Amino acid sequence: MKITRQKHAKKHLGFFRNNFGVREPYQILLDGTFCQAALRGRIQLREQLPRYLMGETQLCTTSLLKCYYLAPQEAQIWG
C-alpha cells in the first residue's frame, strides 16, 4: 500500500477510535455490490482488509444477502 494511503487510513481510524470508541476487531458489513466488485477485481477481501485497516477484522453479511446469492430463485420472492 502506498504511504499516503496508509497515512490517511491510520488518521481516519484514529479519529473513529478517539471519538466513537471503535476498536479491533473491526466489524465490516459487506453488501452485494461491494462483494460483486471485489469478485470482478479478483480482490481477496479476507486478506486485503486487515492489511488496509492495519488490524484484525471480522467480515459480516446479512442473512438476506446470503439468501439472495445462494438461492437466486427464492430471492425473487422477496423483491
PDB file of N, CA and C in Angstrom:
ATOM      1  N   MET A   1       0.847  -1.166   0.000  1.00  0.00           N
ATOM      2  CA  MET A   1       0.000   0.000   0.000  1.00  0.00           C
ATOM      3  C   MET A   1       0.899   1.237   0.000  1.00  0.00           C
ATOM      4  N   LYS A   2       0.469   2.232  -0.736  1.00  0.00           N
ATOM      5  CA  LYS A   2       1.245   3.463  -0.804  1.00  0.00           C
ATOM      6  C   LYS A   2       1.249   4.152   0.555  1.00  0.00           C
ATOM      7  N   ILE A   3       2.307   4.888   0.811  1.00  0.00           N
ATOM      8  CA  ILE A   3       2.490   5.538   2.105  1.00  0.00           C
ATOM      9  C   ILE A   3       1.373   6.536   2.392  1.00  0.00           C
ATOM     10  N   THR A   4       0.975   7.343   1.401  1.00  0.00           N
ATOM     11  CA  THR A   4      -0.059   8.350   1.653  1.00  0.00           C
ATOM     12  C   THR A   4      -1.396   7.685   1.971  1.00  0.00           C
ATOM     13  N   ARG A   5      -1.716   6.594   1.271  1.00  0.00           N
ATOM     14  CA  ARG A   5      -2.970   5.886   1.543  1.00  0.00           C
ATOM     15  C   ARG A   5      -2.951   5.296   2.946  1.00  0.00           C
ATOM     16  N   GLN A   6      -1.800   4.777   3.349  1.00  0.00           N
ATOM     17  CA  GLN A   6      -1.659   4.207   4.690  1.00  0.00           C
ATOM     18  C   GLN A   6      -1.795   5.296   5.752  1.00  0.00           C
ATOM     19  N   LYS A   7      -1.232   6.457   5.513  1.00  0.00           N
ATOM     20  CA  LYS A   7      -1.351   7.564   6.462  1.00  0.00           C
ATOM     21  C   LYS A   7      -2.792   8.030   6.602  1.00  0.00           C
ATOM     22  N   HIS A   8      -3.505   8.115   5.485  1.00  0.00           N
ATOM     23  CA  HIS A   8      -4.906   8.540   5.530  1.00  0.00           C
ATOM     24  C   HIS A   8      -5.753   7.526   6.299  1.00  0.00           C
ATOM     25  N   ALA A   9      -5.536   6.243   6.039  1.00  0.00           N
ATOM     26  CA  ALA A   9      -6.302   5.210   6.742  1.00  0.00           C
ATOM     27  C   ALA A   9      -6.010   5.252   8.238  1.00  0.00           C
ATOM     28  N   LYS A  10      -4.752   5.431   8.593  1.00  0.00           N
ATOM     29  CA  LYS A  10      -4.372   5.493  10.007  1.00  0.00           C
ATOM     30  C   LYS A  10      -4.991   6.718  10.684  1.00  0.00           C
ATOM     31  N   LYS A  11      -5.016   7.842   9.973  1.00  0.00           N
ATOM     32  CA  LYS A  11      -5.608   9.070  10.505  1.00  0.00           C
ATOM     33  C   LYS A  11      -7.105   8.899  10.746  1.00  0.00           C
ATOM     34  N   HIS A  12      -7.808   8.331   9.779  1.00  0.00           N
ATOM     35  CA  HIS A  12      -9.254   8.153   9.915  1.00  0.00           C
ATOM     36  C   HIS A  12      -9.594   7.135  10.997  1.00  0.00           C
ATOM     37  N   LEU A  13      -8.838   6.060  11.081  1.00  0.00           N
ATOM     38  CA  LEU A  13      -9.083   5.075  12.133  1.00  0.00           C
ATOM     39  C   LEU A  13      -8.821   5.670  13.515  1.00  0.00           C
ATOM     40  N   GLY A  14      -7.799   6.505  13.625  1.00  0.00           N
ATOM     41  CA  GLY A  14      -7.527   7.182  14.892  1.00  0.00           C
ATOM     42  C   GLY A  14      -8.669   8.105  15.294  1.00  0.00           C
ATOM     43  N   PHE A  15      -9.250   8.803  14.324  1.00  0.00           N
ATOM     44  CA  PHE A  15     -10.385   9.671  14.595  1.00  0.00           C
ATOM     45  C   PHE A  15     -11.561   8.878  15.159  1.00  0.00           C
ATOM     46  N   PHE A  16     -11.912   7.775  14.498  1.00  0.00           N
ATOM     47  CA  PHE A  16     -13.037   6.966  14.962  1.00  0.00           C
ATOM     48  C   PHE A  16     -12.737   6.274  16.282  1.00  0.00           C
ATOM     49  N   ARG A  17     -11.490   5.905  16.500  1.00  0.00           N
ATOM     50  CA  ARG A  17     -11.103   5.278  17.766  1.00  0.00           C
ATOM     51  C   ARG A  17     -11.261   6.260  18.920  1.00  0.00           C
ATOM     52  N   ASN A  18     -10.820   7.505  18.732  1.00  0.00           N
ATOM     53  CA  ASN A  18     -10.876   8.500  19.801  1.00  0.00           C
ATOM     54  C   ASN A  18     -12.275   9.051  20.049  1.00  0.00           C
ATOM     55  N   ASN A  19     -13.049   9.260  18.988  1.00  0.00           N
ATOM     56  CA  ASN A  19     -14.350   9.905  19.138  1.00  0.00           C
ATOM     57  C   ASN A  19     -15.515   8.951  19.347  1.00  0.00           C
ATOM     58  N   PHE A  20     -15.438   7.758  18.804  1.00  0.00           N
ATOM     59  CA  PHE A  20     -16.581   6.852  18.852  1.00  0.00           C
ATOM     60  C   PHE A  20     -16.283   5.518  19.529  1.00  0.00           C
ATOM     61  N   GLY A  21     -15.062   5.293  19.947  1.00  0.00           N
ATOM     62  CA  GLY A  21     -14.717   4.070  20.659  1.00  0.00           C
ATOM     63  C   GLY A  21     -14.616   2.837  19.773  1.00  0.00           C
ATOM     64  N   VAL A  22     -14.378   3.024  18.480  1.00  0.00           N
ATOM     65  CA  VAL A  22     -14.218   1.896  17.574  1.00  0.00           C
ATOM     66  C   VAL A  22     -12.893   1.220  17.871  1.00  0.00           C
ATOM     67  N   ARG A  23     -12.914  -0.094  17.974  1.00  0.00           N
ATOM     68  CA  ARG A  23     -11.676  -0.825  18.290  1.00  0.00           C
ATOM     69  C   ARG A  23     -11.665  -2.158  17.560  1.00  0.00           C
ATOM     70  N   GLU A  24     -10.531  -2.825  17.609  1.00  0.00           N
ATOM     71  CA  GLU A  24     -10.381  -4.133  16.969  1.00  0.00           C
ATOM     72  C   GLU A  24     -11.157  -5.185  17.738  1.00  0.00           C
ATOM     73  N   PRO A  25     -11.613  -6.224  17.108  1.00  0.00           N
ATOM     74  CA  PRO A  25     -11.639  -6.479  15.663  1.00  0.00           C
ATOM     75  C   PRO A  25     -12.692  -5.597  14.994  1.00  0.00           C
ATOM     76  N   TYR A  26     -12.309  -4.982  13.886  1.00  0.00           N
ATOM     77  CA  TYR A  26     -13.227  -4.121  13.148  1.00  0.00           C
ATOM     78  C   TYR A  26     -14.274  -4.991  12.470  1.00  0.00           C
ATOM     79  N   GLN A  27     -15.542  -4.710  12.704  1.00  0.00           N
ATOM     80  CA  GLN A  27     -16.630  -5.458  12.073  1.00  0.00           C
ATOM     81  C   GLN A  27     -17.066  -4.702  10.828  1.00  0.00           C
ATOM     82  N   ILE A  28     -16.920  -5.346   9.686  1.00  0.00           N
ATOM     83  CA  ILE A  28     -17.204  -4.706   8.413  1.00  0.00           C
ATOM     84  C   ILE A  28     -18.425  -5.372   7.802  1.00  0.00           C
ATOM     85  N   LEU A  29     -19.450  -4.578   7.525  1.00  0.00           N
ATOM     86  CA  LEU A  29     -20.666  -5.080   6.904  1.00  0.00           C
ATOM     87  C   LEU A  29     -20.520  -4.983   5.392  1.00  0.00           C
ATOM     88  N   LEU A  30     -20.591  -6.119   4.724  1.00  0.00           N
ATOM     89  CA  LEU A  30     -20.428  -6.183   3.276  1.00  0.00           C
ATOM     90  C   LEU A  30     -21.793  -6.277   2.606  1.00  0.00           C
ATOM     91  N   ASP A  31     -21.975  -5.505   1.530  1.00  0.00           N
ATOM     92  CA  ASP A  31     -23.212  -5.616   0.762  1.00  0.00           C
ATOM     93  C   ASP A  31     -22.924  -6.318  -0.560  1.00  0.00           C
ATOM     94  N   GLY A  32     -23.977  -6.613  -1.298  1.00  0.00           N
ATOM     95  CA  GLY A  32     -23.843  -7.373  -2.530  1.00  0.00           C
ATOM     96  C   GLY A  32     -23.024  -6.678  -3.594  1.00  0.00           C
ATOM     97  N   THR A  33     -23.205  -5.375  -3.733  1.00  0.00           N
ATOM     98  CA  THR A  33     -22.480  -4.619  -4.742  1.00  0.00           C
ATOM     99  C   THR A  33     -20.981  -4.637  -4.466  1.00  0.00           C
ATOM    100  N   PHE A  34     -20.612  -4.475  -3.206  1.00  0.00           N
ATOM    101  CA  PHE A  34     -19.196  -4.491  -2.828  1.00  0.00           C
ATOM    102  C   PHE A  34     -18.590  -5.868  -3.088  1.00  0.00           C
ATOM    103  N   CYS A  35     -19.324  -6.922  -2.756  1.00  0.00           N
ATOM    104  CA  CYS A  35     -18.829  -8.285  -2.970  1.00  0.00           C
ATOM    105  C   CYS A  35     -18.657  -8.583  -4.456  1.00  0.00           C
ATOM    106  N   GLN A  36     -19.616  -8.141  -5.279  1.00  0.00           N
ATOM    107  CA  GLN A  36     -19.508  -8.359  -6.718  1.00  0.00           C
ATOM    108  C   GLN A  36     -18.320  -7.606  -7.311  1.00  0.00           C
ATOM    109  N   ALA A  37     -18.102  -6.375  -6.870  1.00  0.00           N
ATOM    110  CA  ALA A  37     -16.963  -5.599  -7.358  1.00  0.00           C
ATOM    111  C   ALA A  37     -15.646  -6.255  -6.958  1.00  0.00           C
ATOM    112  N   ALA A  38     -15.587  -6.803  -5.758  1.00  0.00           N
ATOM    113  CA  ALA A  38     -14.377  -7.486  -5.312  1.00  0.00           C
ATOM    114  C   ALA A  38     -14.135  -8.753  -6.128  1.00  0.00           C
ATOM    115  N   LEU A  39     -15.199  -9.470  -6.456  1.00  0.00           N
ATOM    116  CA  LEU A  39     -15.056 -10.665  -7.292  1.00  0.00           C
ATOM    117  C   LEU A  39     -14.588 -10.314  -8.692  1.00  0.00           C
ATOM    118  N   ARG A  40     -15.163  -9.254  -9.267  1.00  0.00           N
ATOM    119  CA  ARG A  40     -14.738  -8.836 -10.601  1.00  0.00           C
ATOM    120  C   ARG A  40     -13.284  -8.399 -10.613  1.00  0.00           C
ATOM    121  N   GLY A  41     -12.862  -7.711  -9.570  1.00  0.00           N
ATOM    122  CA  GLY A  41     -11.479  -7.245  -9.483  1.00  0.00           C
ATOM    123  C   GLY A  41     -10.524  -8.275  -8.922  1.00  0.00           C
ATOM    124  N   ARG A  42     -11.040  -9.461  -8.609  1.00  0.00           N
ATOM    125  CA  ARG A  42     -10.239 -10.563  -8.046  1.00  0.00           C
ATOM    126  C   ARG A  42      -9.491 -10.130  -6.790  1.00  0.00           C
ATOM    127  N   ILE A  43     -10.214  -9.469  -5.904  1.00  0.00           N
ATOM    128  CA  ILE A  43      -9.645  -8.996  -4.645  1.00  0.00           C
ATOM    129  C   ILE A  43     -10.037  -9.971  -3.543  1.00  0.00           C
ATOM    130  N   GLN A  44      -9.069 -10.427  -2.792  1.00  0.00           N
ATOM    131  CA  GLN A  44      -9.309 -11.326  -1.669  1.00  0.00           C
ATOM    132  C   GLN A  44      -9.588 -10.465  -0.433  1.00  0.00           C
ATOM    133  N   LEU A  45     -10.864 -10.263  -0.137  1.00  0.00           N
ATOM    134  CA  LEU A  45     -11.258  -9.357   0.945  1.00  0.00           C
ATOM    135  C   LEU A  45     -10.729  -9.817   2.300  1.00  0.00           C
ATOM    136  N   ARG A  46     -10.773 -11.112   2.544  1.00  0.00           N
ATOM    137  CA  ARG A  46     -10.343 -11.635   3.838  1.00  0.00           C
ATOM    138  C   ARG A  46      -8.858 -11.363   4.095  1.00  0.00           C
ATOM    139  N   GLU A  47      -8.067 -11.269   3.029  1.00  0.00           N
ATOM    140  CA  GLU A  47      -6.638 -10.990   3.181  1.00  0.00           C
ATOM    141  C   GLU A  47      -6.320  -9.494   3.120  1.00  0.00           C
ATOM    142  N   GLN A  48      -7.012  -8.757   2.245  1.00  0.00           N
ATOM    143  CA  GLN A  48      -6.659  -7.365   1.998  1.00  0.00           C
ATOM    144  C   GLN A  48      -7.179  -6.379   3.041  1.00  0.00           C
ATOM    145  N   LEU A  49      -8.382  -6.590   3.548  1.00  0.00           N
ATOM    146  CA  LEU A  49      -8.947  -5.626   4.507  1.00  0.00           C
ATOM    147  C   LEU A  49      -8.144  -5.520   5.807  1.00  0.00           C
ATOM    148  N   PRO A  50      -7.667  -6.621   6.391  1.00  0.00           N
ATOM    149  CA  PRO A  50      -6.834  -6.452   7.597  1.00  0.00           C
ATOM    150  C   PRO A  50      -5.552  -5.667   7.331  1.00  0.00           C
ATOM    151  N   ARG A  51      -4.980  -5.828   6.137  1.00  0.00           N
ATOM    152  CA  ARG A  51      -3.778  -5.071   5.799  1.00  0.00           C
ATOM    153  C   ARG A  51      -4.093  -3.586   5.639  1.00  0.00           C
ATOM    154  N   TYR A  52      -5.219  -3.289   4.996  1.00  0.00           N
ATOM    155  CA  TYR A  52      -5.589  -1.893   4.767  1.00  0.00           C
ATOM    156  C   TYR A  52      -5.940  -1.183   6.068  1.00  0.00           C
ATOM    157  N   LEU A  53      -6.666  -1.884   6.952  1.00  0.00           N
ATOM    158  CA  LEU A  53      -7.074  -1.276   8.216  1.00  0.00           C
ATOM    159  C   LEU A  53      -6.044  -1.439   9.320  1.00  0.00           C
ATOM    160  N   MET A  54      -4.969  -2.127   9.027  1.00  0.00           N
ATOM    161  CA  MET A  54      -3.862  -2.334   9.976  1.00  0.00           C
ATOM    162  C   MET A  54      -4.347  -2.930  11.290  1.00  0.00           C
ATOM    163  N   GLY A  55      -5.185  -3.942  11.188  1.00  0.00           N
ATOM    164  CA  GLY A  55      -5.700  -4.594  12.384  1.00  0.00           C
ATOM    165  C   GLY A  55      -6.571  -5.781  12.031  1.00  0.00           C
ATOM    166  N   GLU A  56      -7.044  -6.440  13.056  1.00  0.00           N
ATOM    167  CA  GLU A  56      -7.891  -7.607  12.884  1.00  0.00           C
ATOM    168  C   GLU A  56      -9.289  -7.176  12.431  1.00  0.00           C
ATOM    169  N   THR A  57      -9.873  -7.927  11.502  1.00  0.00           N
ATOM    170  CA  THR A  57     -11.200  -7.596  11.002  1.00  0.00           C
ATOM    171  C   THR A  57     -12.135  -8.793  11.100  1.00  0.00           C
ATOM    172  N   GLN A  58     -13.412  -8.495  11.107  1.00  0.00           N
ATOM    173  CA  GLN A  58     -14.443  -9.520  11.107  1.00  0.00           C
ATOM    174  C   GLN A  58     -15.447  -9.113  10.026  1.00  0.00           C
ATOM    175  N   LEU A  59     -15.605  -9.957   9.004  1.00  0.00           N
ATOM    176  CA  LEU A  59     -16.492  -9.653   7.897  1.00  0.00           C
ATOM    177  C   LEU A  59     -17.901 -10.131   8.220  1.00  0.00           C
ATOM    178  N   CYS A  60     -18.883  -9.274   7.991  1.00  0.00           N
ATOM    179  CA  CYS A  60     -20.278  -9.586   8.303  1.00  0.00           C
ATOM    180  C   CYS A  60     -21.141  -9.353   7.071  1.00  0.00           C
ATOM    181  N   THR A  61     -22.166 -10.203   6.907  1.00  0.00           N
ATOM    182  CA  THR A  61     -23.163 -10.008   5.867  1.00  0.00           C
ATOM    183  C   THR A  61     -24.534 -10.222   6.488  1.00  0.00           C
ATOM    184  N   THR A  62     -25.559  -9.796   5.789  1.00  0.00           N
ATOM    185  CA  THR A  62     -26.920 -10.003   6.274  1.00  0.00           C
ATOM    186  C   THR A  62     -27.423 -11.357   5.794  1.00  0.00           C
ATOM    187  N   SER A  63     -28.420 -11.880   6.463  1.00  0.00           N
ATOM    188  CA  SER A  63     -28.974 -13.172   6.062  1.00  0.00           C
ATOM    189  C   SER A  63     -29.680 -13.065   4.713  1.00  0.00           C
ATOM    190  N   LEU A  64     -30.259 -11.917   4.406  1.00  0.00           N
ATOM    191  CA  LEU A  64     -30.923 -11.731   3.121  1.00  0.00           C
ATOM    192  C   LEU A  64     -29.909 -11.776   1.984  1.00  0.00           C
ATOM    193  N   LEU A  65     -28.732 -11.206   2.189  1.00  0.00           N
ATOM    194  CA  LEU A  65     -27.682 -11.243   1.174  1.00  0.00           C
ATOM    195  C   LEU A  65     -27.250 -12.675   0.917  1.00  0.00           C
ATOM    196  N   LYS A  66     -27.080 -13.445   1.970  1.00  0.00           N
ATOM    197  CA  LYS A  66     -26.706 -14.850   1.809  1.00  0.00           C
ATOM    198  C   LYS A  66     -27.779 -15.600   1.050  1.00  0.00           C
ATOM    199  N   CYS A  67     -29.030 -15.343   1.377  1.00  0.00           N
ATOM    200  CA  CYS A  67     -30.151 -15.998   0.709  1.00  0.00           C
ATOM    201  C   CYS A  67     -30.185 -15.613  -0.767  1.00  0.00           C
ATOM    202  N   TYR A  68     -29.965 -14.353  -1.058  1.00  0.00           N
ATOM    203  CA  TYR A  68     -30.052 -13.851  -2.424  1.00  0.00           C
ATOM    204  C   TYR A  68     -28.997 -14.473  -3.322  1.00  0.00           C
ATOM    205  N   TYR A  69     -27.772 -14.603  -2.825  1.00  0.00           N
ATOM    206  CA  TYR A  69     -26.697 -15.119  -3.662  1.00  0.00           C
ATOM    207  C   TYR A  69     -26.580 -16.636  -3.626  1.00  0.00           C
ATOM    208  N   LEU A  70     -27.101 -17.271  -2.602  1.00  0.00           N
ATOM    209  CA  LEU A  70     -27.050 -18.724  -2.555  1.00  0.00           C
ATOM    210  C   LEU A  70     -28.233 -19.351  -3.275  1.00  0.00           C
ATOM    211  N   ALA A  71     -29.387 -18.708  -3.260  1.00  0.00           N
ATOM    212  CA  ALA A  71     -30.581 -19.235  -3.904  1.00  0.00           C
ATOM    213  C   ALA A  71     -31.312 -18.109  -4.641  1.00  0.00           C
ATOM    214  N   PRO A  72     -30.832 -17.713  -5.829  1.00  0.00           N
ATOM    215  CA  PRO A  72     -31.442 -16.579  -6.524  1.00  0.00           C
ATOM    216  C   PRO A  72     -32.911 -16.774  -6.882  1.00  0.00           C
ATOM    217  N   GLN A  73     -33.349 -18.009  -7.108  1.00  0.00           N
ATOM    218  CA  GLN A  73     -34.733 -18.234  -7.451  1.00  0.00           C
ATOM    219  C   GLN A  73     -35.640 -17.881  -6.280  1.00  0.00           C
ATOM    220  N   GLU A  74     -35.251 -18.233  -5.067  1.00  0.00           N
ATOM    221  CA  GLU A  74     -36.049 -17.934  -3.896  1.00  0.00           C
ATOM    222  C   GLU A  74     -36.010 -16.452  -3.535  1.00  0.00           C
ATOM    223  N   ALA A  75     -34.918 -15.785  -3.854  1.00  0.00           N
ATOM    224  CA  ALA A  75     -34.770 -14.372  -3.506  1.00  0.00           C
ATOM    225  C   ALA A  75     -35.714 -13.491  -4.332  1.00  0.00           C
ATOM    226  N   GLN A  76     -36.133 -13.958  -5.491  1.00  0.00           N
ATOM    227  CA  GLN A  76     -37.043 -13.166  -6.308  1.00  0.00           C
ATOM    228  C   GLN A  76     -38.384 -12.999  -5.619  1.00  0.00           C
ATOM    229  N   ILE A  77     -38.713 -13.886  -4.717  1.00  0.00           N
ATOM    230  CA  ILE A  77     -39.945 -13.773  -3.958  1.00  0.00           C
ATOM    231  C   ILE A  77     -39.939 -12.513  -3.101  1.00  0.00           C
ATOM    232  N   TRP A  78     -38.762 -12.142  -2.571  1.00  0.00           N
ATOM    233  CA  TRP A  78     -38.643 -11.012  -1.650  1.00  0.00           C
ATOM    234  C   TRP A  78     -38.533  -9.672  -2.379  1.00  0.00           C
ATOM    235  N   GLY A  79     -38.348  -9.668  -3.644  1.00  0.00           N
ATOM    236  CA  GLY A  79     -38.260  -8.369  -4.292  1.00  0.00           C
ATOM    237  C   GLY A  79     -37.502  -8.439  -5.529  1.00  0.00           C
TER     238      GLY A  79
END
